[in-house]
Amino acid sequence: MVFIPGGTFTLGSLDFYPEEAPLRRVALDGFWIDETPVTNRDFARFVAATGHVTVAEVAPDPKDYPGMDPALAVPGSLVFTPPPGPVPLNRPDLWWRFVPGADWRHPYGPDADLDVLDLWDHPVVQVAWADAAAYAKWAGKALPTEAEHEVAARGGLEGKAFAWGDELAPDGRIMANSWQGSFPHHNTAADGWERTSPVRSFPPNGYGLHDMIGNVWEWTQDWWEDRPRQPRKKRPDACCTIANPRGGTLWGSYDPAQPDVKIGRKVLKGGSHLCAVNHCQRYRPAARHPEMIDTSTTHIGFRCVKRVKP
């Protein structure tokens, strides 16, 4: 783990997506954060020690999902499947496919496991929020807040678009695992990887952290909270500094008295190998995305933090 000193930081951006505004000041206590995302090797140790069964390994109960296709009431998960040609970019159903038997041991489906694919040092994927939280508890850690993740991802740089500066590829150097080419049908893999990459494959940021940007999205502990959409010129900055924010109100009709009801969204941070110039430019510290807590995919993982007691 790497120690991030406490201090006061500016989060957010006014230059990309509306949900990243407004700029806001936060004061954080110092905390430790994993140098890399949790790998398949790490997660395997957790499963061996605890017998944990992931969300993807359990058939969903149709009662939790009114109108569900009964054919989908089997263990499985979402696998990115590129279409043969250009498609509308507002149709994610054209590149995501539910694959029975896909889970963390078989991220792309039951026909190949981690040994066959040589993925032990890649970030674990096909983990829902509850799986990430269970690992963190077992490890004596926690999932980061959105603020902690963004501060760590910035690597000590304030006001920069990316974790390394204001250029996506300074001097032509690819700094993170993202999509090169036209998403979702053509990936040139100029960075050397079509899907996930082993941790530490790309340069660390200013704090010595790897893959805070790209490779896989990362779960945080914060509930997603929609922010008012305002014209860019009218978006106000936050009025005050918030200390150690634990963000978000519960979304939609989530009822904490019924934690097994599969609704509610958490914040994802960091972007993934599926972020592209022509779609989802969220390979940036300020970027954020909502994800249903019961969802696992081939491009979502996590890392953990340990907080310093004041």
C-alpha atoms as a PDB file:
ATOM      1  CA  MET A   1       0.000   0.000   0.000  1.00  0.00           C
ATOM      2  CA  VAL A   2       1.004   3.638  -0.534  1.00  0.00           C
ATOM      3  CA  PHE A   3       0.360   6.433   1.965  1.00  0.00           C
ATOM      4  CA  ILE A   4      -1.524   9.493   0.703  1.00  0.00           C
ATOM      5  CA  PRO A   5      -0.902  12.495   2.980  1.00  0.00           C
ATOM      6  CA  GLY A   6      -3.924  14.350   4.251  1.00  0.00           C
ATOM      7  CA  GLY A   7      -4.739  17.833   3.065  1.00  0.00           C
ATOM      8  CA  THR A   8      -7.236  19.965   1.185  1.00  0.00           C
ATOM      9  CA  PHE A   9      -7.930  19.137  -2.452  1.00  0.00           C
ATOM     10  CA  THR A  10     -10.049  20.314  -5.377  1.00  0.00           C
ATOM     11  CA  LEU A  11     -12.167  17.619  -7.007  1.00  0.00           C
ATOM     12  CA  GLY A  12     -14.282  17.560 -10.145  1.00  0.00           C
ATOM     13  CA  SER A  13     -14.037  19.055 -13.624  1.00  0.00           C
ATOM     14  CA  LEU A  14     -15.958  21.559 -15.737  1.00  0.00           C
ATOM     15  CA  ASP A  15     -14.445  20.412 -19.035  1.00  0.00           C
ATOM     16  CA  PHE A  16     -15.904  16.978 -19.814  1.00  0.00           C
ATOM     17  CA  TYR A  17     -19.161  15.468 -18.484  1.00  0.00           C
ATOM     18  CA  PRO A  18     -21.879  17.287 -16.497  1.00  0.00           C
ATOM     19  CA  GLU A  19     -21.831  14.817 -13.603  1.00  0.00           C
ATOM     20  CA  GLU A  20     -18.232  15.827 -12.807  1.00  0.00           C
ATOM     21  CA  ALA A  21     -19.271  19.376 -11.827  1.00  0.00           C
ATOM     22  CA  PRO A  22     -19.123  21.436  -9.721  1.00  0.00           C
ATOM     23  CA  LEU A  23     -15.547  21.910  -8.620  1.00  0.00           C
ATOM     24  CA  ARG A  24     -15.496  21.254  -4.901  1.00  0.00           C
ATOM     25  CA  ARG A  25     -13.009  21.405  -2.050  1.00  0.00           C
ATOM     26  CA  VAL A  26     -12.539  18.500   0.319  1.00  0.00           C
ATOM     27  CA  ALA A  27     -10.293  17.973   3.317  1.00  0.00           C
ATOM     28  CA  LEU A  28      -9.094  14.398   3.774  1.00  0.00           C
ATOM     29  CA  ASP A  29      -7.187  12.712   6.547  1.00  0.00           C
ATOM     30  CA  GLY A  30      -4.187  10.707   5.404  1.00  0.00           C
ATOM     31  CA  PHE A  31      -4.900   7.164   4.225  1.00  0.00           C
ATOM     32  CA  TRP A  32      -3.206   4.118   2.762  1.00  0.00           C
ATOM     33  CA  ILE A  33      -4.305   2.756  -0.617  1.00  0.00           C
ATOM     34  CA  ASP A  34      -3.390  -0.393  -2.546  1.00  0.00           C
ATOM     35  CA  GLU A  35      -0.619   0.212  -5.066  1.00  0.00           C
ATOM     36  CA  THR A  36      -2.569  -1.764  -7.674  1.00  0.00           C
ATOM     37  CA  PRO A  37      -6.065  -3.109  -8.191  1.00  0.00           C
ATOM     38  CA  VAL A  38      -6.758  -6.403  -6.432  1.00  0.00           C
ATOM     39  CA  THR A  39      -5.520  -9.160  -8.738  1.00  0.00           C
ATOM     40  CA  ASN A  40      -6.933 -12.578  -9.501  1.00  0.00           C
ATOM     41  CA  ARG A  41      -4.101 -14.022  -7.415  1.00  0.00           C
ATOM     42  CA  ASP A  42      -5.135 -11.855  -4.445  1.00  0.00           C
ATOM     43  CA  PHE A  43      -8.806 -12.689  -4.833  1.00  0.00           C
ATOM     44  CA  ALA A  44      -8.081 -16.410  -5.058  1.00  0.00           C
ATOM     45  CA  ARG A  45      -6.394 -16.267  -1.636  1.00  0.00           C
ATOM     46  CA  PHE A  46      -9.494 -14.589  -0.214  1.00  0.00           C
ATOM     47  CA  VAL A  47     -11.819 -17.208  -1.701  1.00  0.00           C
ATOM     48  CA  ALA A  48      -9.603 -20.047  -0.470  1.00  0.00           C
ATOM     49  CA  ALA A  49      -9.596 -18.603   3.053  1.00  0.00           C
ATOM     50  CA  THR A  50     -13.290 -17.780   3.303  1.00  0.00           C
ATOM     51  CA  GLY A  51     -15.182 -19.901   0.781  1.00  0.00           C
ATOM     52  CA  HIS A  52     -16.762 -16.732  -0.576  1.00  0.00           C
ATOM     53  CA  VAL A  53     -19.184 -17.248  -3.471  1.00  0.00           C
ATOM     54  CA  THR A  54     -19.501 -14.250  -5.762  1.00  0.00           C
ATOM     55  CA  VAL A  55     -22.729 -12.730  -6.997  1.00  0.00           C
ATOM     56  CA  ALA A  56     -22.039 -13.999 -10.529  1.00  0.00           C
ATOM     57  CA  GLU A  57     -21.814 -17.580  -9.242  1.00  0.00           C
ATOM     58  CA  VAL A  58     -25.373 -17.517  -7.870  1.00  0.00           C
ATOM     59  CA  ALA A  59     -28.461 -17.676 -10.066  1.00  0.00           C
ATOM     60  CA  PRO A  60     -30.514 -14.474  -9.686  1.00  0.00           C
ATOM     61  CA  ASP A  61     -33.955 -14.800  -8.166  1.00  0.00           C
ATOM     62  CA  PRO A  62     -36.574 -13.682 -10.721  1.00  0.00           C
ATOM     63  CA  LYS A  63     -38.614 -12.234  -7.838  1.00  0.00           C
ATOM     64  CA  ASP A  64     -35.954  -9.554  -7.472  1.00  0.00           C
ATOM     65  CA  TYR A  65     -36.218  -8.634 -11.152  1.00  0.00           C
ATOM     66  CA  PRO A  66     -39.834  -8.297 -12.342  1.00  0.00           C
ATOM     67  CA  GLY A  67     -40.125  -9.127 -16.038  1.00  0.00           C
ATOM     68  CA  MET A  68     -36.829 -11.005 -16.094  1.00  0.00           C
ATOM     69  CA  ASP A  69     -36.275 -13.471 -18.933  1.00  0.00           C
ATOM     70  CA  PRO A  70     -36.302 -16.892 -17.189  1.00  0.00           C
ATOM     71  CA  ALA A  71     -33.437 -17.966 -19.440  1.00  0.00           C
ATOM     72  CA  LEU A  72     -31.210 -15.492 -17.575  1.00  0.00           C
ATOM     73  CA  ALA A  73     -31.982 -16.987 -14.150  1.00  0.00           C
ATOM     74  CA  VAL A  74     -28.684 -18.868 -14.150  1.00  0.00           C
ATOM     75  CA  PRO A  75     -25.236 -18.052 -12.772  1.00  0.00           C
ATOM     76  CA  GLY A  76     -23.347 -15.809 -15.160  1.00  0.00           C
ATOM     77  CA  SER A  77     -22.229 -12.291 -15.868  1.00  0.00           C
ATOM     78  CA  LEU A  78     -21.770  -9.583 -18.503  1.00  0.00           C
ATOM     79  CA  VAL A  79     -19.020 -10.007 -21.089  1.00  0.00           C
ATOM     80  CA  PHE A  80     -17.900  -7.330 -23.516  1.00  0.00           C
ATOM     81  CA  THR A  81     -18.466  -8.674 -27.030  1.00  0.00           C
ATOM     82  CA  PRO A  82     -17.448  -6.300 -29.843  1.00  0.00           C
ATOM     83  CA  PRO A  83     -19.934  -6.019 -32.708  1.00  0.00           C
ATOM     84  CA  PRO A  84     -18.730  -6.697 -36.274  1.00  0.00           C
ATOM     85  CA  GLY A  85     -19.052  -3.068 -37.317  1.00  0.00           C
ATOM     86  CA  PRO A  86     -20.085   0.437 -36.249  1.00  0.00           C
ATOM     87  CA  VAL A  87     -23.217   0.662 -34.083  1.00  0.00           C
ATOM     88  CA  PRO A  88     -25.044   3.519 -32.331  1.00  0.00           C
ATOM     89  CA  LEU A  89     -23.045   4.528 -29.264  1.00  0.00           C
ATOM     90  CA  ASN A  90     -26.178   4.872 -27.151  1.00  0.00           C
ATOM     91  CA  ARG A  91     -26.886   1.133 -27.433  1.00  0.00           C
ATOM     92  CA  PRO A  92     -24.643  -0.678 -24.913  1.00  0.00           C
ATOM     93  CA  ASP A  93     -26.851  -3.722 -25.334  1.00  0.00           C
ATOM     94  CA  LEU A  94     -25.120  -4.173 -28.702  1.00  0.00           C
ATOM     95  CA  TRP A  95     -21.740  -4.869 -27.092  1.00  0.00           C
ATOM     96  CA  TRP A  96     -22.611  -6.335 -23.680  1.00  0.00           C
ATOM     97  CA  ARG A  97     -23.786  -9.950 -23.529  1.00  0.00           C
ATOM     98  CA  PHE A  98     -24.918 -11.989 -20.533  1.00  0.00           C
ATOM     99  CA  VAL A  99     -22.828 -15.184 -20.604  1.00  0.00           C
ATOM    100  CA  PRO A 100     -23.916 -18.134 -18.435  1.00  0.00           C
ATOM    101  CA  GLY A 101     -20.958 -19.467 -16.489  1.00  0.00           C
ATOM    102  CA  ALA A 102     -18.928 -16.256 -16.652  1.00  0.00           C
ATOM    103  CA  ASP A 103     -17.428 -15.446 -13.242  1.00  0.00           C
ATOM    104  CA  TRP A 104     -14.162 -14.276 -11.720  1.00  0.00           C
ATOM    105  CA  ARG A 105     -12.458 -17.610 -12.477  1.00  0.00           C
ATOM    106  CA  HIS A 106     -13.826 -17.611 -16.043  1.00  0.00           C
ATOM    107  CA  PRO A 107     -14.150 -13.903 -16.888  1.00  0.00           C
ATOM    108  CA  TYR A 108     -15.129 -14.382 -20.527  1.00  0.00           C
ATOM    109  CA  GLY A 109     -17.187 -17.547 -20.118  1.00  0.00           C
ATOM    110  CA  PRO A 110     -16.845 -21.144 -18.953  1.00  0.00           C
ATOM    111  CA  ASP A 111     -14.591 -22.304 -21.795  1.00  0.00           C
ATOM    112  CA  ALA A 112     -11.360 -20.800 -20.419  1.00  0.00           C
ATOM    113  CA  ASP A 113     -10.110 -20.171 -16.892  1.00  0.00           C
ATOM    114  CA  LEU A 114      -7.393 -17.996 -15.361  1.00  0.00           C
ATOM    115  CA  ASP A 115      -4.666 -20.569 -16.013  1.00  0.00           C
ATOM    116  CA  VAL A 116      -5.534 -20.946 -19.684  1.00  0.00           C
ATOM    117  CA  LEU A 117      -5.738 -17.180 -20.168  1.00  0.00           C
ATOM    118  CA  ASP A 118      -2.706 -16.438 -17.926  1.00  0.00           C
ATOM    119  CA  LEU A 119      -4.592 -13.788 -15.975  1.00  0.00           C
ATOM    120  CA  TRP A 120      -3.329 -14.303 -12.421  1.00  0.00           C
ATOM    121  CA  ASP A 121      -1.610 -10.920 -12.314  1.00  0.00           C
ATOM    122  CA  HIS A 122      -4.468  -9.076 -14.029  1.00  0.00           C
ATOM    123  CA  PRO A 123      -7.096  -7.228 -11.972  1.00  0.00           C
ATOM    124  CA  VAL A 124      -9.915  -9.454 -10.792  1.00  0.00           C
ATOM    125  CA  VAL A 125     -13.137  -8.740 -12.698  1.00  0.00           C
ATOM    126  CA  GLN A 126     -16.665 -10.150 -12.674  1.00  0.00           C
ATOM    127  CA  VAL A 127     -17.019  -8.965  -9.069  1.00  0.00           C
ATOM    128  CA  ALA A 128     -20.133  -7.125  -7.876  1.00  0.00           C
ATOM    129  CA  TRP A 129     -19.984  -4.476  -5.164  1.00  0.00           C
ATOM    130  CA  ALA A 130     -20.754  -6.963  -2.379  1.00  0.00           C
ATOM    131  CA  ASP A 131     -17.831  -9.146  -3.485  1.00  0.00           C
ATOM    132  CA  ALA A 132     -15.428  -6.207  -3.355  1.00  0.00           C
ATOM    133  CA  ALA A 133     -16.750  -5.158   0.063  1.00  0.00           C
ATOM    134  CA  ALA A 134     -16.391  -8.707   1.403  1.00  0.00           C
ATOM    135  CA  TYR A 135     -12.770  -8.888   0.251  1.00  0.00           C
ATOM    136  CA  ALA A 136     -12.007  -5.509   1.839  1.00  0.00           C
ATOM    137  CA  LYS A 137     -13.492  -6.605   5.168  1.00  0.00           C
ATOM    138  CA  TRP A 138     -11.501  -9.863   5.106  1.00  0.00           C
ATOM    139  CA  ALA A 139      -8.307  -7.937   4.387  1.00  0.00           C
ATOM    140  CA  GLY A 140      -8.923  -5.526   7.280  1.00  0.00           C
ATOM    141  CA  LYS A 141      -9.382  -2.668   4.857  1.00  0.00           C
ATOM    142  CA  ALA A 142     -12.245  -0.768   3.197  1.00  0.00           C
ATOM    143  CA  LEU A 143     -13.304   0.383  -0.231  1.00  0.00           C
ATOM    144  CA  PRO A 144     -12.230   3.961  -0.985  1.00  0.00           C
ATOM    145  CA  THR A 145     -14.638   6.839  -1.029  1.00  0.00           C
ATOM    146  CA  GLU A 146     -15.035   8.658  -4.316  1.00  0.00           C
ATOM    147  CA  ALA A 147     -12.999  11.543  -2.894  1.00  0.00           C
ATOM    148  CA  GLU A 148     -10.183   9.270  -1.724  1.00  0.00           C
ATOM    149  CA  HIS A 149     -10.001   7.560  -5.098  1.00  0.00           C
ATOM    150  CA  GLU A 150      -9.912  10.832  -7.023  1.00  0.00           C
ATOM    151  CA  VAL A 151      -7.247  12.379  -4.805  1.00  0.00           C
ATOM    152  CA  ALA A 152      -5.095   9.252  -5.066  1.00  0.00           C
ATOM    153  CA  ALA A 153      -5.604   9.073  -8.846  1.00  0.00           C
ATOM    154  CA  ARG A 154      -4.444  12.651  -9.333  1.00  0.00           C
ATOM    155  CA  GLY A 155      -1.022  11.734  -7.980  1.00  0.00           C
ATOM    156  CA  GLY A 156      -0.484  15.149  -6.441  1.00  0.00           C
ATOM    157  CA  LEU A 157      -1.506  17.114  -9.559  1.00  0.00           C
ATOM    158  CA  GLU A 158      -4.281  19.677  -9.109  1.00  0.00           C
ATOM    159  CA  GLY A 159      -6.467  20.805 -11.970  1.00  0.00           C
ATOM    160  CA  LYS A 160      -5.059  18.459 -14.618  1.00  0.00           C
ATOM    161  CA  ALA A 161      -7.257  16.480 -16.982  1.00  0.00           C
ATOM    162  CA  PHE A 162      -5.319  13.227 -16.611  1.00  0.00           C
ATOM    163  CA  ALA A 163      -3.320  11.603 -13.848  1.00  0.00           C
ATOM    164  CA  TRP A 164      -0.104  12.636 -15.618  1.00  0.00           C
ATOM    165  CA  GLY A 165      -0.998  16.065 -17.031  1.00  0.00           C
ATOM    166  CA  ASP A 166      -3.240  17.613 -19.664  1.00  0.00           C
ATOM    167  CA  GLU A 167      -2.362  15.411 -22.670  1.00  0.00           C
ATOM    168  CA  LEU A 168      -3.823  11.948 -23.169  1.00  0.00           C
ATOM    169  CA  ALA A 169      -0.634  10.624 -24.776  1.00  0.00           C
ATOM    170  CA  PRO A 170       2.266  13.013 -24.088  1.00  0.00           C
ATOM    171  CA  ASP A 171       4.841  12.774 -26.885  1.00  0.00           C
ATOM    172  CA  GLY A 172       2.843   9.842 -28.226  1.00  0.00           C
ATOM    173  CA  ARG A 173       3.377   7.722 -25.115  1.00  0.00           C
ATOM    174  CA  ILE A 174       0.361   5.684 -24.011  1.00  0.00           C
ATOM    175  CA  MET A 175       0.056   6.099 -20.239  1.00  0.00           C
ATOM    176  CA  ALA A 176      -2.807   3.750 -19.383  1.00  0.00           C
ATOM    177  CA  ASN A 177      -4.735   0.773 -20.716  1.00  0.00           C
ATOM    178  CA  SER A 178      -7.590   2.233 -22.768  1.00  0.00           C
ATOM    179  CA  TRP A 179      -9.183   1.695 -26.172  1.00  0.00           C
ATOM    180  CA  GLN A 180      -7.335   2.801 -29.299  1.00  0.00           C
ATOM    181  CA  GLY A 181      -9.435   2.934 -32.449  1.00  0.00           C
ATOM    182  CA  SER A 182     -13.161   3.266 -33.014  1.00  0.00           C
ATOM    183  CA  PHE A 183     -15.211   1.900 -30.111  1.00  0.00           C
ATOM    184  CA  PRO A 184     -16.843  -0.625 -29.894  1.00  0.00           C
ATOM    185  CA  HIS A 185     -15.940  -2.525 -33.057  1.00  0.00           C
ATOM    186  CA  HIS A 186     -12.286  -1.741 -33.825  1.00  0.00           C
ATOM    187  CA  ASN A 187      -9.484  -1.776 -31.267  1.00  0.00           C
ATOM    188  CA  THR A 188      -5.975  -1.335 -32.673  1.00  0.00           C
ATOM    189  CA  ALA A 189      -4.529  -2.400 -29.287  1.00  0.00           C
ATOM    190  CA  ALA A 190      -1.703   0.089 -29.781  1.00  0.00           C
ATOM    191  CA  ASP A 191      -1.117  -0.097 -26.029  1.00  0.00           C
ATOM    192  CA  GLY A 192      -0.444  -3.832 -26.319  1.00  0.00           C
ATOM    193  CA  TRP A 193      -3.687  -5.051 -24.761  1.00  0.00           C
ATOM    194  CA  GLU A 194      -7.158  -5.735 -26.114  1.00  0.00           C
ATOM    195  CA  ARG A 195      -8.638  -6.410 -22.689  1.00  0.00           C
ATOM    196  CA  THR A 196      -7.177  -6.144 -19.189  1.00  0.00           C
ATOM    197  CA  SER A 197      -3.439  -5.906 -18.653  1.00  0.00           C
ATOM    198  CA  PRO A 198      -1.238  -7.165 -15.809  1.00  0.00           C
ATOM    199  CA  VAL A 199      -0.985  -4.626 -12.992  1.00  0.00           C
ATOM    200  CA  ARG A 200       2.100  -2.390 -13.229  1.00  0.00           C
ATOM    201  CA  SER A 201       2.124  -2.630 -17.039  1.00  0.00           C
ATOM    202  CA  PHE A 202       1.901   1.167 -17.302  1.00  0.00           C
ATOM    203  CA  PRO A 203       3.766   3.991 -15.530  1.00  0.00           C
ATOM    204  CA  PRO A 204       2.727   4.835 -11.960  1.00  0.00           C
ATOM    205  CA  ASN A 205       1.313   8.234 -11.121  1.00  0.00           C
ATOM    206  CA  GLY A 206       3.009  10.785  -8.897  1.00  0.00           C
ATOM    207  CA  TYR A 207       2.120   8.812  -5.762  1.00  0.00           C
ATOM    208  CA  GLY A 208       3.544   5.570  -7.163  1.00  0.00           C
ATOM    209  CA  LEU A 209       0.110   4.054  -7.819  1.00  0.00           C
ATOM    210  CA  HIS A 210      -0.586   1.881 -10.853  1.00  0.00           C
ATOM    211  CA  ASP A 211      -3.783   1.603 -12.909  1.00  0.00           C
ATOM    212  CA  MET A 212      -5.684   4.332 -11.091  1.00  0.00           C
ATOM    213  CA  ILE A 213      -6.649   5.279 -14.645  1.00  0.00           C
ATOM    214  CA  GLY A 214      -7.759   2.719 -17.237  1.00  0.00           C
ATOM    215  CA  ASN A 215      -7.474  -1.073 -17.156  1.00  0.00           C
ATOM    216  CA  VAL A 216     -10.581  -1.595 -14.972  1.00  0.00           C
ATOM    217  CA  TRP A 217     -13.189   0.621 -13.402  1.00  0.00           C
ATOM    218  CA  GLU A 218     -13.004   0.462  -9.600  1.00  0.00           C
ATOM    219  CA  TRP A 219     -15.827   0.205  -7.067  1.00  0.00           C
ATOM    220  CA  THR A 220     -16.031   2.837  -4.334  1.00  0.00           C
ATOM    221  CA  GLN A 221     -18.069   2.842  -1.145  1.00  0.00           C
ATOM    222  CA  ASP A 222     -20.132   5.888  -2.177  1.00  0.00           C
ATOM    223  CA  TRP A 223     -23.698   5.794  -3.410  1.00  0.00           C
ATOM    224  CA  TRP A 224     -24.253   7.523  -6.730  1.00  0.00           C
ATOM    225  CA  GLU A 225     -25.921  10.901  -6.480  1.00  0.00           C
ATOM    226  CA  ASP A 226     -27.175  12.691  -9.575  1.00  0.00           C
ATOM    227  CA  ARG A 227     -26.039  16.294  -9.726  1.00  0.00           C
ATOM    228  CA  PRO A 228     -28.091  19.089 -11.297  1.00  0.00           C
ATOM    229  CA  ARG A 229     -27.339  19.515 -14.990  1.00  0.00           C
ATOM    230  CA  GLN A 230     -26.544  23.184 -15.505  1.00  0.00           C
ATOM    231  CA  PRO A 231     -25.024  25.117 -18.406  1.00  0.00           C
ATOM    232  CA  ARG A 232     -21.269  25.100 -18.019  1.00  0.00           C
ATOM    233  CA  LYS A 233     -21.035  28.847 -17.415  1.00  0.00           C
ATOM    234  CA  LYS A 234     -23.630  28.675 -14.642  1.00  0.00           C
ATOM    235  CA  ARG A 235     -22.235  25.755 -12.705  1.00  0.00           C
ATOM    236  CA  PRO A 236     -21.276  27.030  -9.256  1.00  0.00           C
ATOM    237  CA  ASP A 237     -18.258  25.924  -7.345  1.00  0.00           C
ATOM    238  CA  ALA A 238     -18.912  24.280  -4.001  1.00  0.00           C
ATOM    239  CA  CYS A 239     -19.392  26.887  -1.298  1.00  0.00           C
ATOM    240  CA  CYS A 240     -17.298  25.301   1.401  1.00  0.00           C
ATOM    241  CA  THR A 241     -14.738  22.623   2.182  1.00  0.00           C
ATOM    242  CA  ILE A 242     -16.169  19.246   3.173  1.00  0.00           C
ATOM    243  CA  ALA A 243     -14.158  17.102   5.573  1.00  0.00           C
ATOM    244  CA  ASN A 244     -13.758  13.388   4.737  1.00  0.00           C
ATOM    245  CA  PRO A 245     -16.933  13.154   2.622  1.00  0.00           C
ATOM    246  CA  ARG A 246     -18.747   9.829   2.565  1.00  0.00           C
ATOM    247  CA  GLY A 247     -20.699  10.579  -0.539  1.00  0.00           C
ATOM    248  CA  GLY A 248     -24.117  10.069  -1.940  1.00  0.00           C
ATOM    249  CA  THR A 249     -27.629   9.513  -0.773  1.00  0.00           C
ATOM    250  CA  LEU A 250     -29.255   6.181  -1.475  1.00  0.00           C
ATOM    251  CA  TRP A 251     -30.489   6.079  -5.023  1.00  0.00           C
ATOM    252  CA  GLY A 252     -33.998   5.396  -6.203  1.00  0.00           C
ATOM    253  CA  SER A 253     -36.120   3.236  -3.928  1.00  0.00           C
ATOM    254  CA  TYR A 254     -33.257   1.470  -2.178  1.00  0.00           C
ATOM    255  CA  ASP A 255     -34.349   0.529   1.322  1.00  0.00           C
ATOM    256  CA  PRO A 256     -31.527  -0.086   3.857  1.00  0.00           C
ATOM    257  CA  ALA A 257     -33.972  -2.220   5.848  1.00  0.00           C
ATOM    258  CA  GLN A 258     -34.032  -4.602   2.872  1.00  0.00           C
ATOM    259  CA  PRO A 259     -30.350  -4.899   1.904  1.00  0.00           C
ATOM    260  CA  ASP A 260     -30.963  -7.987  -0.215  1.00  0.00           C
ATOM    261  CA  VAL A 261     -33.129  -6.092  -2.690  1.00  0.00           C
ATOM    262  CA  LYS A 262     -30.960  -5.733  -5.753  1.00  0.00           C
ATOM    263  CA  ILE A 263     -31.362  -2.037  -6.462  1.00  0.00           C
ATOM    264  CA  GLY A 264     -29.111   0.943  -5.871  1.00  0.00           C
ATOM    265  CA  ARG A 265     -26.012   2.272  -7.609  1.00  0.00           C
ATOM    266  CA  LYS A 266     -22.479   2.877  -6.394  1.00  0.00           C
ATOM    267  CA  VAL A 267     -19.867   5.191  -7.900  1.00  0.00           C
ATOM    268  CA  LEU A 268     -17.207   3.711 -10.158  1.00  0.00           C
ATOM    269  CA  LYS A 269     -13.940   5.591 -10.681  1.00  0.00           C
ATOM    270  CA  GLY A 270     -10.922   5.465 -12.969  1.00  0.00           C
ATOM    271  CA  GLY A 271     -12.244   4.338 -16.343  1.00  0.00           C
ATOM    272  CA  SER A 272     -11.272   1.087 -18.046  1.00  0.00           C
ATOM    273  CA  HIS A 273      -9.712  -0.509 -21.101  1.00  0.00           C
ATOM    274  CA  LEU A 274     -13.017   0.167 -22.889  1.00  0.00           C
ATOM    275  CA  CYS A 275     -12.761   3.969 -22.581  1.00  0.00           C
ATOM    276  CA  ALA A 276     -12.059   5.558 -25.963  1.00  0.00           C
ATOM    277  CA  VAL A 277     -11.639   8.961 -27.566  1.00  0.00           C
ATOM    278  CA  ASN A 278     -14.929   8.488 -29.426  1.00  0.00           C
ATOM    279  CA  HIS A 279     -16.845   7.088 -26.444  1.00  0.00           C
ATOM    280  CA  CYS A 280     -16.653   7.402 -22.655  1.00  0.00           C
ATOM    281  CA  GLN A 281     -13.604   9.601 -22.163  1.00  0.00           C
ATOM    282  CA  ARG A 282     -13.573   8.664 -18.509  1.00  0.00           C
ATOM    283  CA  TYR A 283      -9.940   7.624 -18.157  1.00  0.00           C
ATOM    284  CA  ARG A 284      -9.474  10.654 -15.896  1.00  0.00           C
ATOM    285  CA  PRO A 285      -9.407  11.242 -12.121  1.00  0.00           C
ATOM    286  CA  ALA A 286     -12.539  13.443 -12.129  1.00  0.00           C
ATOM    287  CA  ALA A 287     -14.625  10.977 -14.143  1.00  0.00           C
ATOM    288  CA  ARG A 288     -17.361   9.026 -12.400  1.00  0.00           C
ATOM    289  CA  HIS A 289     -19.983   6.502 -13.413  1.00  0.00           C
ATOM    290  CA  PRO A 290     -22.963   4.816 -11.689  1.00  0.00           C
ATOM    291  CA  GLU A 291     -23.189   1.020 -11.527  1.00  0.00           C
ATOM    292  CA  MET A 292     -25.891  -1.203 -10.089  1.00  0.00           C
ATOM    293  CA  ILE A 293     -24.589  -2.982  -7.000  1.00  0.00           C
ATOM    294  CA  ASP A 294     -25.588  -6.420  -8.304  1.00  0.00           C
ATOM    295  CA  THR A 295     -23.737  -6.016 -11.612  1.00  0.00           C
ATOM    296  CA  SER A 296     -20.420  -7.611 -12.510  1.00  0.00           C
ATOM    297  CA  THR A 297     -18.626  -7.243 -15.837  1.00  0.00           C
ATOM    298  CA  THR A 298     -15.331  -7.875 -17.610  1.00  0.00           C
ATOM    299  CA  HIS A 299     -14.154  -4.309 -16.943  1.00  0.00           C
ATOM    300  CA  ILE A 300     -14.924  -3.637 -13.255  1.00  0.00           C
ATOM    301  CA  GLY A 301     -12.532  -4.399 -10.393  1.00  0.00           C
ATOM    302  CA  PHE A 302     -11.482  -2.635  -7.190  1.00  0.00           C
ATOM    303  CA  ARG A 303      -8.722  -1.735  -4.739  1.00  0.00           C
ATOM    304  CA  CYS A 304      -8.785  -1.037  -0.999  1.00  0.00           C
ATOM    305  CA  VAL A 305      -7.771   1.613   1.512  1.00  0.00           C
ATOM    306  CA  LYS A 306      -6.840   1.757   5.187  1.00  0.00           C
ATOM    307  CA  ARG A 307      -7.684   4.986   6.961  1.00  0.00           C
ATOM    308  CA  VAL A 308      -5.455   6.631   9.525  1.00  0.00           C
ATOM    309  CA  LYS A 309      -7.337   7.301  12.737  1.00  0.00           C
ATOM    310  CA  PRO A 310      -7.227  11.033  13.588  1.00  0.00           C
END
